Amino acid sequence: MLLENAGGHTLWPVDLTGTGVDSLLLGFVGHYNNKPGGPILYLLHPLDRDGEQWETIILDDSGLPGEDGTCIDFNGDGRIDVVAAGHNRVKIYWNEGKVEDSPTSKPSTR
């Protein structure tokens, strides 16, 4: 198991580094079935090409539940940005290209 938190709500696989390897954005609404945990948005970034090792980054724990979102280049800088929405709020997370040691994609076997 990569991560345990009550109230998992959304999952977005996205190549934030341009390497062909997807990271995972996970949104949690929190306090699900009386279990602890508040609204939080995680980024899980693979540290190897096989997906055996992952870095877990808390992208936002300010109370914005990641109920919905999308990942596109909003500002035209060539990097994929993240927008998350929940409870009548929308927030943009600008990709500043700071995730290091990104694995490269595996060659396709097809």
N, C-alpha and C. Protein backbone atom coordinates (compact mmCIF):
# COMPACT_ATOMS: atom_id res chain seq x y z
N MET A 1 0.85 -1.17 0.00
CA MET A 1 0.00 0.00 0.00
C MET A 1 0.90 1.24 0.00
N LEU A 2 0.61 2.16 -0.90
CA LEU A 2 1.40 3.38 -0.99
C LEU A 2 1.01 4.41 0.05
N LEU A 3 -0.28 4.46 0.39
CA LEU A 3 -0.77 5.53 1.25
C LEU A 3 -2.07 5.09 1.89
N GLU A 4 -2.26 5.43 3.16
CA GLU A 4 -3.51 5.12 3.83
C GLU A 4 -4.07 6.39 4.45
N ASN A 5 -5.30 6.72 4.08
CA ASN A 5 -5.98 7.90 4.60
C ASN A 5 -7.47 7.69 4.36
N ALA A 6 -8.29 8.01 5.32
CA ALA A 6 -9.73 7.82 5.18
C ALA A 6 -10.31 8.85 4.22
N GLY A 7 -11.27 8.45 3.43
CA GLY A 7 -12.00 9.38 2.58
C GLY A 7 -11.36 9.66 1.25
N GLY A 8 -10.64 8.69 0.68
CA GLY A 8 -10.08 8.87 -0.65
C GLY A 8 -11.18 9.18 -1.65
N HIS A 9 -10.96 10.19 -2.48
CA HIS A 9 -12.04 10.65 -3.35
C HIS A 9 -11.65 10.68 -4.82
N THR A 10 -10.44 11.14 -5.15
CA THR A 10 -10.06 11.26 -6.55
C THR A 10 -8.64 10.77 -6.77
N LEU A 11 -8.36 10.39 -8.00
CA LEU A 11 -7.04 9.94 -8.40
C LEU A 11 -6.78 10.45 -9.81
N TRP A 12 -5.65 11.14 -9.98
CA TRP A 12 -5.27 11.63 -11.31
C TRP A 12 -3.86 11.15 -11.62
N PRO A 13 -3.67 10.25 -12.56
CA PRO A 13 -2.31 9.95 -13.01
C PRO A 13 -1.88 11.04 -13.99
N VAL A 14 -0.67 11.57 -13.82
CA VAL A 14 -0.22 12.67 -14.67
C VAL A 14 1.30 12.70 -14.75
N ASP A 15 1.82 12.94 -15.94
CA ASP A 15 3.25 13.09 -16.14
C ASP A 15 3.63 14.54 -15.88
N LEU A 16 4.00 14.86 -14.66
CA LEU A 16 4.35 16.23 -14.28
C LEU A 16 5.78 16.61 -14.67
N THR A 17 6.61 15.62 -14.97
CA THR A 17 8.02 15.89 -15.23
C THR A 17 8.40 15.82 -16.70
N GLY A 18 7.47 15.38 -17.56
CA GLY A 18 7.77 15.27 -18.98
C GLY A 18 8.67 14.10 -19.33
N THR A 19 8.74 13.11 -18.45
CA THR A 19 9.61 11.95 -18.67
C THR A 19 8.86 10.75 -19.23
N GLY A 20 7.54 10.84 -19.33
CA GLY A 20 6.75 9.71 -19.76
C GLY A 20 6.34 8.80 -18.62
N VAL A 21 6.69 9.16 -17.39
CA VAL A 21 6.34 8.38 -16.20
C VAL A 21 5.33 9.18 -15.39
N ASP A 22 4.19 8.57 -15.10
CA ASP A 22 3.14 9.27 -14.36
C ASP A 22 3.40 9.30 -12.86
N SER A 23 3.12 10.45 -12.27
CA SER A 23 2.98 10.58 -10.82
C SER A 23 1.49 10.40 -10.53
N LEU A 24 1.13 10.28 -9.27
CA LEU A 24 -0.27 10.15 -8.89
C LEU A 24 -0.66 11.31 -7.99
N LEU A 25 -1.73 11.99 -8.35
CA LEU A 25 -2.33 13.00 -7.48
C LEU A 25 -3.53 12.37 -6.83
N LEU A 26 -3.60 12.42 -5.50
CA LEU A 26 -4.68 11.80 -4.74
C LEU A 26 -5.38 12.84 -3.89
N GLY A 27 -6.69 12.93 -4.03
CA GLY A 27 -7.48 13.85 -3.23
C GLY A 27 -8.30 13.10 -2.20
N PHE A 28 -8.28 13.58 -0.97
CA PHE A 28 -9.03 12.99 0.12
C PHE A 28 -9.96 14.03 0.71
N VAL A 29 -11.23 13.66 0.89
CA VAL A 29 -12.19 14.59 1.50
C VAL A 29 -12.10 14.56 3.01
N GLY A 30 -11.57 13.49 3.58
CA GLY A 30 -11.34 13.38 5.02
C GLY A 30 -12.58 13.05 5.82
N HIS A 31 -12.35 12.64 7.06
CA HIS A 31 -13.41 12.31 8.03
C HIS A 31 -14.47 11.40 7.42
N TYR A 32 -14.03 10.32 6.84
CA TYR A 32 -14.92 9.37 6.18
C TYR A 32 -15.22 8.22 7.13
N ASN A 33 -16.48 7.91 7.31
CA ASN A 33 -16.91 6.81 8.20
C ASN A 33 -16.33 6.96 9.60
N ASN A 34 -16.30 8.19 10.11
CA ASN A 34 -15.81 8.49 11.45
C ASN A 34 -14.35 8.13 11.68
N LYS A 35 -13.57 7.99 10.61
CA LYS A 35 -12.15 7.74 10.74
C LYS A 35 -11.41 9.07 10.67
N PRO A 36 -10.27 9.19 11.37
CA PRO A 36 -9.55 10.47 11.37
C PRO A 36 -8.94 10.79 10.01
N GLY A 37 -8.65 12.05 9.82
CA GLY A 37 -8.01 12.52 8.59
C GLY A 37 -8.82 13.65 7.99
N GLY A 38 -8.16 14.73 7.68
CA GLY A 38 -8.84 15.88 7.09
C GLY A 38 -8.63 15.93 5.59
N PRO A 39 -9.24 16.91 4.95
CA PRO A 39 -9.05 17.08 3.51
C PRO A 39 -7.57 17.31 3.19
N ILE A 40 -7.10 16.62 2.19
CA ILE A 40 -5.68 16.72 1.86
C ILE A 40 -5.47 16.31 0.40
N LEU A 41 -4.46 16.88 -0.22
CA LEU A 41 -4.10 16.54 -1.60
C LEU A 41 -2.64 16.08 -1.60
N TYR A 42 -2.42 14.84 -2.04
CA TYR A 42 -1.09 14.25 -2.08
C TYR A 42 -0.58 14.17 -3.51
N LEU A 43 0.73 14.22 -3.64
CA LEU A 43 1.41 13.87 -4.88
C LEU A 43 2.31 12.69 -4.56
N LEU A 44 2.13 11.59 -5.26
CA LEU A 44 3.01 10.44 -5.13
C LEU A 44 3.84 10.38 -6.40
N HIS A 45 5.16 10.50 -6.22
CA HIS A 45 6.06 10.56 -7.36
C HIS A 45 6.96 9.33 -7.37
N PRO A 46 7.02 8.60 -8.50
CA PRO A 46 7.86 7.40 -8.55
C PRO A 46 9.34 7.75 -8.54
N LEU A 47 10.09 7.00 -7.75
CA LEU A 47 11.54 7.22 -7.67
C LEU A 47 12.32 6.23 -8.51
N ASP A 48 11.62 5.22 -9.05
CA ASP A 48 12.28 4.27 -9.93
C ASP A 48 11.35 3.94 -11.09
N ARG A 49 11.91 3.36 -12.13
CA ARG A 49 11.12 3.08 -13.33
C ARG A 49 10.13 1.93 -13.15
N ASP A 50 10.33 1.12 -12.13
CA ASP A 50 9.46 -0.04 -11.91
C ASP A 50 8.29 0.25 -10.98
N GLY A 51 8.23 1.45 -10.39
CA GLY A 51 7.14 1.78 -9.49
C GLY A 51 7.24 1.10 -8.14
N GLU A 52 8.44 0.72 -7.74
CA GLU A 52 8.64 0.06 -6.45
C GLU A 52 8.89 1.05 -5.32
N GLN A 53 9.43 2.23 -5.65
CA GLN A 53 9.73 3.23 -4.63
C GLN A 53 9.05 4.54 -5.01
N TRP A 54 8.39 5.16 -4.02
CA TRP A 54 7.62 6.37 -4.28
C TRP A 54 7.95 7.43 -3.23
N GLU A 55 7.97 8.67 -3.65
CA GLU A 55 8.06 9.81 -2.74
C GLU A 55 6.66 10.34 -2.52
N THR A 56 6.27 10.54 -1.26
CA THR A 56 4.95 11.09 -0.94
C THR A 56 5.11 12.54 -0.53
N ILE A 57 4.43 13.42 -1.25
CA ILE A 57 4.49 14.86 -0.99
C ILE A 57 3.09 15.34 -0.65
N ILE A 58 2.95 16.08 0.44
CA ILE A 58 1.66 16.71 0.73
C ILE A 58 1.60 17.99 -0.09
N LEU A 59 0.74 18.00 -1.10
CA LEU A 59 0.61 19.16 -1.97
C LEU A 59 -0.21 20.25 -1.30
N ASP A 60 -1.24 19.84 -0.54
CA ASP A 60 -2.07 20.83 0.15
C ASP A 60 -2.78 20.16 1.31
N ASP A 61 -2.62 20.71 2.51
CA ASP A 61 -3.36 20.22 3.67
C ASP A 61 -4.10 21.37 4.35
N SER A 62 -4.45 22.39 3.56
CA SER A 62 -5.11 23.59 4.10
C SER A 62 -6.62 23.45 4.21
N GLY A 63 -7.15 22.27 3.88
CA GLY A 63 -8.59 22.07 4.01
C GLY A 63 -9.34 22.01 2.70
N LEU A 64 -8.63 22.12 1.57
CA LEU A 64 -9.28 21.98 0.27
C LEU A 64 -9.38 20.51 -0.06
N PRO A 65 -10.59 19.94 -0.05
CA PRO A 65 -10.72 18.54 -0.42
C PRO A 65 -10.58 18.41 -1.93
N GLY A 66 -9.73 17.50 -2.36
CA GLY A 66 -9.55 17.29 -3.79
C GLY A 66 -10.68 16.46 -4.35
N GLU A 67 -11.82 17.08 -4.57
CA GLU A 67 -12.99 16.37 -5.07
C GLU A 67 -12.95 16.21 -6.59
N ASP A 68 -12.32 17.14 -7.27
CA ASP A 68 -12.24 17.10 -8.72
C ASP A 68 -11.05 17.94 -9.14
N GLY A 69 -10.62 17.77 -10.36
CA GLY A 69 -9.52 18.56 -10.84
C GLY A 69 -9.08 18.14 -12.22
N THR A 70 -8.05 18.80 -12.69
CA THR A 70 -7.47 18.47 -13.98
C THR A 70 -6.01 18.89 -13.97
N CYS A 71 -5.28 18.40 -14.93
CA CYS A 71 -3.86 18.69 -15.03
C CYS A 71 -3.55 19.10 -16.46
N ILE A 72 -3.21 20.38 -16.67
CA ILE A 72 -2.84 20.90 -17.98
C ILE A 72 -1.82 22.02 -17.79
N ASP A 73 -1.20 22.45 -18.87
CA ASP A 73 -0.27 23.58 -18.82
C ASP A 73 -1.08 24.87 -18.90
N PHE A 74 -1.37 25.46 -17.75
CA PHE A 74 -2.21 26.67 -17.71
C PHE A 74 -1.50 27.92 -18.19
N ASN A 75 -0.20 28.03 -17.92
CA ASN A 75 0.49 29.28 -18.20
C ASN A 75 1.43 29.22 -19.40
N GLY A 76 1.41 28.11 -20.15
CA GLY A 76 2.18 28.02 -21.38
C GLY A 76 3.69 27.90 -21.21
N ASP A 77 4.15 27.46 -20.03
CA ASP A 77 5.59 27.33 -19.80
C ASP A 77 6.13 25.94 -20.15
N GLY A 78 5.25 25.07 -20.67
CA GLY A 78 5.67 23.73 -21.06
C GLY A 78 5.61 22.70 -19.95
N ARG A 79 5.19 23.10 -18.75
CA ARG A 79 5.06 22.17 -17.62
C ARG A 79 3.60 22.02 -17.24
N ILE A 80 3.21 20.79 -16.91
CA ILE A 80 1.83 20.50 -16.53
C ILE A 80 1.56 21.04 -15.13
N ASP A 81 0.52 21.86 -15.01
CA ASP A 81 0.08 22.40 -13.73
C ASP A 81 -1.13 21.61 -13.24
N VAL A 82 -1.50 21.80 -11.99
CA VAL A 82 -2.61 21.07 -11.38
C VAL A 82 -3.66 22.06 -10.90
N VAL A 83 -4.93 21.76 -11.18
CA VAL A 83 -6.02 22.53 -10.58
C VAL A 83 -6.88 21.54 -9.81
N ALA A 84 -7.22 21.91 -8.59
CA ALA A 84 -8.08 21.07 -7.75
C ALA A 84 -9.27 21.89 -7.29
N ALA A 85 -10.39 21.21 -7.15
CA ALA A 85 -11.62 21.89 -6.74
C ALA A 85 -12.32 21.09 -5.67
N GLY A 86 -13.04 21.81 -4.80
CA GLY A 86 -13.82 21.15 -3.77
C GLY A 86 -14.47 22.17 -2.87
N HIS A 87 -15.69 21.88 -2.46
CA HIS A 87 -16.44 22.74 -1.53
C HIS A 87 -16.43 24.21 -1.97
N ASN A 88 -16.84 24.45 -3.21
CA ASN A 88 -16.97 25.81 -3.75
C ASN A 88 -15.65 26.57 -3.85
N ARG A 89 -14.54 25.87 -3.92
CA ARG A 89 -13.24 26.52 -4.07
C ARG A 89 -12.45 25.85 -5.19
N VAL A 90 -11.61 26.63 -5.83
CA VAL A 90 -10.71 26.13 -6.87
C VAL A 90 -9.32 26.67 -6.57
N LYS A 91 -8.30 25.82 -6.74
CA LYS A 91 -6.93 26.25 -6.47
C LYS A 91 -6.01 25.71 -7.56
N ILE A 92 -5.10 26.57 -8.03
CA ILE A 92 -4.12 26.16 -9.04
C ILE A 92 -2.78 25.97 -8.34
N TYR A 93 -2.11 24.87 -8.67
CA TYR A 93 -0.78 24.57 -8.17
C TYR A 93 0.16 24.65 -9.37
N TRP A 94 1.02 25.66 -9.40
CA TRP A 94 1.91 25.88 -10.54
C TRP A 94 3.08 24.91 -10.46
N ASN A 95 3.35 24.24 -11.55
CA ASN A 95 4.48 23.32 -11.64
C ASN A 95 5.74 24.14 -11.87
N GLU A 96 6.60 24.17 -10.86
CA GLU A 96 7.84 24.93 -10.95
C GLU A 96 9.03 24.06 -11.34
N GLY A 97 8.74 22.78 -11.68
CA GLY A 97 9.79 21.89 -12.17
C GLY A 97 10.83 21.52 -11.14
N LYS A 98 10.43 21.34 -9.88
CA LYS A 98 11.40 21.08 -8.82
C LYS A 98 11.47 19.63 -8.36
N VAL A 99 10.69 18.74 -8.95
CA VAL A 99 10.78 17.33 -8.57
C VAL A 99 12.05 16.78 -9.20
N GLU A 100 12.97 16.31 -8.37
CA GLU A 100 14.27 15.86 -8.87
C GLU A 100 14.35 14.35 -8.94
N ASP A 101 15.35 13.88 -9.64
CA ASP A 101 15.60 12.45 -9.80
C ASP A 101 14.41 11.72 -10.37
N SER A 102 13.77 12.32 -11.36
CA SER A 102 12.63 11.69 -12.00
C SER A 102 13.09 10.53 -12.87
N PRO A 103 12.43 9.39 -12.75
CA PRO A 103 12.82 8.26 -13.59
C PRO A 103 12.43 8.54 -15.04
N THR A 104 13.12 7.92 -15.95
CA THR A 104 12.73 8.05 -17.35
C THR A 104 11.78 6.92 -17.68
N SER A 105 11.03 7.10 -18.73
CA SER A 105 10.04 6.09 -19.09
C SER A 105 10.73 4.85 -19.64
N LYS A 106 10.06 3.72 -19.45
CA LYS A 106 10.54 2.47 -20.02
C LYS A 106 10.20 2.45 -21.50
N PRO A 107 11.03 1.82 -22.31
CA PRO A 107 10.66 1.68 -23.72
C PRO A 107 9.41 0.81 -23.83
N SER A 108 8.59 1.11 -24.78
CA SER A 108 7.37 0.33 -24.99
C SER A 108 7.73 -1.06 -25.50
N THR A 109 6.98 -2.07 -25.03
CA THR A 109 7.21 -3.44 -25.50
C THR A 109 6.21 -3.82 -26.57
N ARG A 110 5.40 -2.89 -27.00
CA ARG A 110 4.39 -3.19 -28.02
C ARG A 110 4.93 -2.94 -29.39
